Amino acid sequence: MTTATKKTPVRRKLLAGLGVFVLLLAGYTVFTIARPYVLHTEIEIDATPDQVWKVLADRAAYPEWNPFIIAASGELKTGAIISNTLRDTNGKETTFTPELLAVEPGKELRWIGKIGFGGIFDGEHTFRIEPLTDGRSRLIHEEHFRGVAIPFTTGMLNDTIRPQFEAMNQALATRAAAE
């Protein structure tokens, strides 16, 4: 038996192993993109949807009241790229430039931010405002996270981001009720 003949079964096993690895990686990627991890918070606010929107849309004033999104800029127009600087519960600040997916005054503000080219760590962030009776509103503040890195970050998202969603909700409610 020649040396070339002896290597052929080893090559086949390596290629088969590599093929299985690629298939598993592809399946894992599809799974993490198709099944988002959702952080969901909501709060009832003693203000109308228009009052809530006014506070939410006045992004230049965020440094005055917002403990989570401490700086924001860019035109609120569907398709626009904006800039947001976030502060987590550890005090770590991150600036990113998401694309606005929906801007409906008094109803919804939604964007998508991606790390890298997409599919690694993507977050679709939503603020929905629903009218309640007696001039009150419900703010639904959530983010759908997708990507291959998400299963490794759910603990961090719950520990450092969810509390900031809740702090922002409360601060927004206080400010909107005072308008």
Protein backbone atom coordinates (compact mmCIF):
# COMPACT_ATOMS: atom_id res chain seq x y z
CA MET A 1 0.00 0.00 0.00
CA THR A 2 1.38 3.41 -0.92
CA THR A 3 1.49 6.44 1.30
CA ALA A 4 -1.11 8.19 -0.85
CA THR A 5 -3.52 5.29 -0.41
CA LYS A 6 -3.10 5.30 3.39
CA LYS A 7 -3.93 9.04 3.61
CA THR A 8 -7.16 8.77 1.64
CA PRO A 9 -9.27 7.27 4.50
CA VAL A 10 -7.87 9.88 6.90
CA ARG A 11 -8.73 12.68 4.46
CA ARG A 12 -12.21 11.29 4.03
CA LYS A 13 -12.74 11.22 7.80
CA LEU A 14 -11.44 14.77 8.13
CA LEU A 15 -13.68 15.98 5.32
CA ALA A 16 -16.66 14.13 6.77
CA GLY A 17 -15.94 15.63 10.20
CA LEU A 18 -15.59 19.08 8.71
CA GLY A 19 -18.86 18.59 6.81
CA VAL A 20 -20.69 17.59 10.00
CA PHE A 21 -19.22 20.60 11.81
CA VAL A 22 -20.32 22.99 9.04
CA LEU A 23 -23.81 21.47 9.04
CA LEU A 24 -24.11 21.81 12.82
CA LEU A 25 -22.85 25.39 12.69
CA ALA A 26 -25.32 26.27 9.92
CA GLY A 27 -28.19 24.68 11.86
CA TYR A 28 -27.20 26.50 15.04
CA THR A 29 -27.02 29.81 13.16
CA VAL A 30 -30.46 29.34 11.62
CA PHE A 31 -31.88 28.35 15.01
CA THR A 32 -30.49 31.42 16.80
CA ILE A 33 -31.75 33.77 14.10
CA ALA A 34 -35.21 32.16 13.83
CA ARG A 35 -35.79 32.02 17.62
CA PRO A 36 -35.11 35.44 19.14
CA TYR A 37 -34.46 36.10 22.79
CA VAL A 38 -36.91 38.82 23.89
CA LEU A 39 -36.52 41.35 26.68
CA HIS A 40 -40.03 42.68 27.34
CA THR A 41 -41.01 45.43 29.74
CA GLU A 42 -44.06 47.65 30.00
CA ILE A 43 -45.42 50.42 32.16
CA GLU A 44 -48.68 52.33 32.47
CA ILE A 45 -48.20 56.09 32.27
CA ASP A 46 -50.39 58.95 33.50
CA ALA A 47 -50.07 60.76 30.17
CA THR A 48 -51.61 60.56 26.70
CA PRO A 49 -49.83 58.73 23.86
CA ASP A 50 -48.97 62.12 22.34
CA GLN A 51 -47.37 63.29 25.60
CA VAL A 52 -45.37 60.06 25.85
CA TRP A 53 -44.29 60.40 22.22
CA LYS A 54 -43.21 64.02 22.79
CA VAL A 55 -40.79 62.88 25.51
CA LEU A 56 -39.62 59.84 23.54
CA ALA A 57 -39.04 61.85 20.36
CA ASP A 58 -37.17 64.71 22.07
CA ARG A 59 -33.90 62.85 21.95
CA ALA A 60 -31.79 65.97 22.52
CA ALA A 61 -33.25 66.04 26.06
CA TYR A 62 -32.28 62.42 26.87
CA PRO A 63 -29.20 63.43 28.92
CA GLU A 64 -31.55 65.33 31.27
CA TRP A 65 -33.69 62.36 32.25
CA ASN A 66 -32.80 59.08 30.52
CA PRO A 67 -30.60 56.70 32.55
CA PHE A 68 -30.31 54.17 29.69
CA ILE A 69 -30.03 56.00 26.37
CA ILE A 70 -27.84 58.84 27.55
CA ALA A 71 -27.30 60.44 24.13
CA ALA A 72 -29.20 60.19 20.86
CA SER A 73 -29.05 62.00 17.55
CA GLY A 74 -30.27 61.72 14.00
CA GLU A 75 -33.51 62.38 12.17
CA LEU A 76 -36.53 60.35 13.27
CA LYS A 77 -37.48 59.12 9.81
CA THR A 78 -38.04 55.54 8.68
CA GLY A 79 -34.88 54.29 6.96
CA ALA A 80 -32.62 56.85 8.64
CA ILE A 81 -29.49 55.87 10.54
CA ILE A 82 -29.39 57.33 14.05
CA SER A 83 -26.79 57.30 16.81
CA ASN A 84 -27.51 56.12 20.36
CA THR A 85 -25.22 55.88 23.35
CA LEU A 86 -26.39 53.35 25.95
CA ARG A 87 -25.29 52.94 29.56
CA ASP A 88 -25.74 49.54 31.21
CA THR A 89 -26.05 48.90 34.95
CA ASN A 90 -22.26 48.52 35.21
CA GLY A 91 -21.79 52.04 33.83
CA LYS A 92 -20.38 50.73 30.55
CA GLU A 93 -21.27 52.98 27.62
CA THR A 94 -21.76 51.74 24.07
CA THR A 95 -22.51 53.84 21.00
CA PHE A 96 -24.14 52.26 17.99
CA THR A 97 -25.86 53.38 14.81
CA PRO A 98 -29.11 51.52 14.19
CA GLU A 99 -31.48 51.90 11.25
CA LEU A 100 -34.98 53.17 11.97
CA LEU A 101 -37.61 50.63 10.89
CA ALA A 102 -40.74 52.47 12.09
CA VAL A 103 -41.48 56.02 13.20
CA GLU A 104 -45.19 56.49 13.94
CA PRO A 105 -45.79 59.50 16.21
CA GLY A 106 -47.86 58.58 19.24
CA LYS A 107 -47.63 54.87 18.41
CA GLU A 108 -44.24 53.32 17.69
CA LEU A 109 -40.51 53.88 17.42
CA ARG A 110 -38.48 50.86 16.24
CA TRP A 111 -34.93 50.30 15.05
CA ILE A 112 -32.50 47.50 14.31
CA GLY A 113 -28.90 47.47 15.41
CA LYS A 114 -26.35 44.89 14.31
CA ILE A 115 -22.88 43.95 15.42
CA GLY A 116 -20.82 43.09 12.38
CA PHE A 117 -22.57 42.17 9.15
CA GLY A 118 -25.66 40.74 10.85
CA GLY A 119 -26.53 37.35 12.25
CA ILE A 120 -23.98 37.62 15.06
CA PHE A 121 -25.76 39.90 17.54
CA ASP A 122 -28.76 41.77 16.16
CA GLY A 123 -31.28 43.69 18.24
CA GLU A 124 -34.65 44.99 17.08
CA HIS A 125 -35.63 47.58 19.67
CA THR A 126 -39.25 48.72 19.97
CA PHE A 127 -41.20 51.33 21.89
CA ARG A 128 -44.96 50.90 21.37
CA ILE A 129 -47.43 53.30 22.91
CA GLU A 130 -51.00 52.12 23.47
CA PRO A 131 -53.85 54.39 24.58
CA LEU A 132 -55.64 53.51 27.82
CA THR A 133 -58.75 55.03 29.35
CA ASP A 134 -58.74 58.41 31.12
CA GLY A 135 -55.92 59.88 29.01
CA ARG A 136 -53.39 57.29 30.12
CA SER A 137 -51.00 55.14 28.08
CA ARG A 138 -49.13 51.87 28.15
CA LEU A 139 -45.52 51.87 26.99
CA ILE A 140 -44.27 48.52 25.75
CA HIS A 141 -40.49 48.59 25.60
CA GLU A 142 -38.85 45.48 24.23
CA GLU A 143 -36.01 44.12 22.17
CA HIS A 144 -35.81 40.99 20.07
CA PHE A 145 -32.23 39.70 20.01
CA ARG A 146 -31.10 37.32 17.26
CA GLY A 147 -27.77 35.85 16.25
CA VAL A 148 -25.17 33.25 17.05
CA ALA A 149 -23.83 35.16 20.08
CA ILE A 150 -27.22 35.55 21.79
CA PRO A 151 -27.35 32.23 23.68
CA PHE A 152 -24.06 33.19 25.34
CA THR A 153 -25.29 36.64 26.40
CA THR A 154 -28.79 36.11 27.86
CA GLY A 155 -27.52 36.35 31.44
CA MET A 156 -25.78 39.64 30.71
CA LEU A 157 -28.87 40.97 28.90
CA ASN A 158 -31.06 40.19 31.91
CA ASP A 159 -28.59 41.50 34.47
CA THR A 160 -27.37 44.69 32.81
CA ILE A 161 -29.91 45.67 30.14
CA ARG A 162 -33.35 44.71 31.49
CA PRO A 163 -32.93 46.91 34.60
CA GLN A 164 -32.02 49.81 32.33
CA PHE A 165 -35.16 49.27 30.24
CA GLU A 166 -37.17 49.45 33.47
CA ALA A 167 -35.30 52.53 34.72
CA MET A 168 -35.86 54.29 31.39
CA ASN A 169 -39.56 53.35 31.44
CA GLN A 170 -39.98 54.84 34.91
CA ALA A 171 -38.05 58.01 34.04
CA LEU A 172 -40.06 58.46 30.83
CA ALA A 173 -43.33 57.95 32.75
CA THR A 174 -42.32 60.56 35.31
CA ARG A 175 -41.30 63.08 32.66
CA ALA A 176 -44.38 62.51 30.44
CA ALA A 177 -46.76 62.85 33.42
CA ALA A 178 -45.14 66.21 34.24
CA GLU A 179 -45.61 67.55 30.65
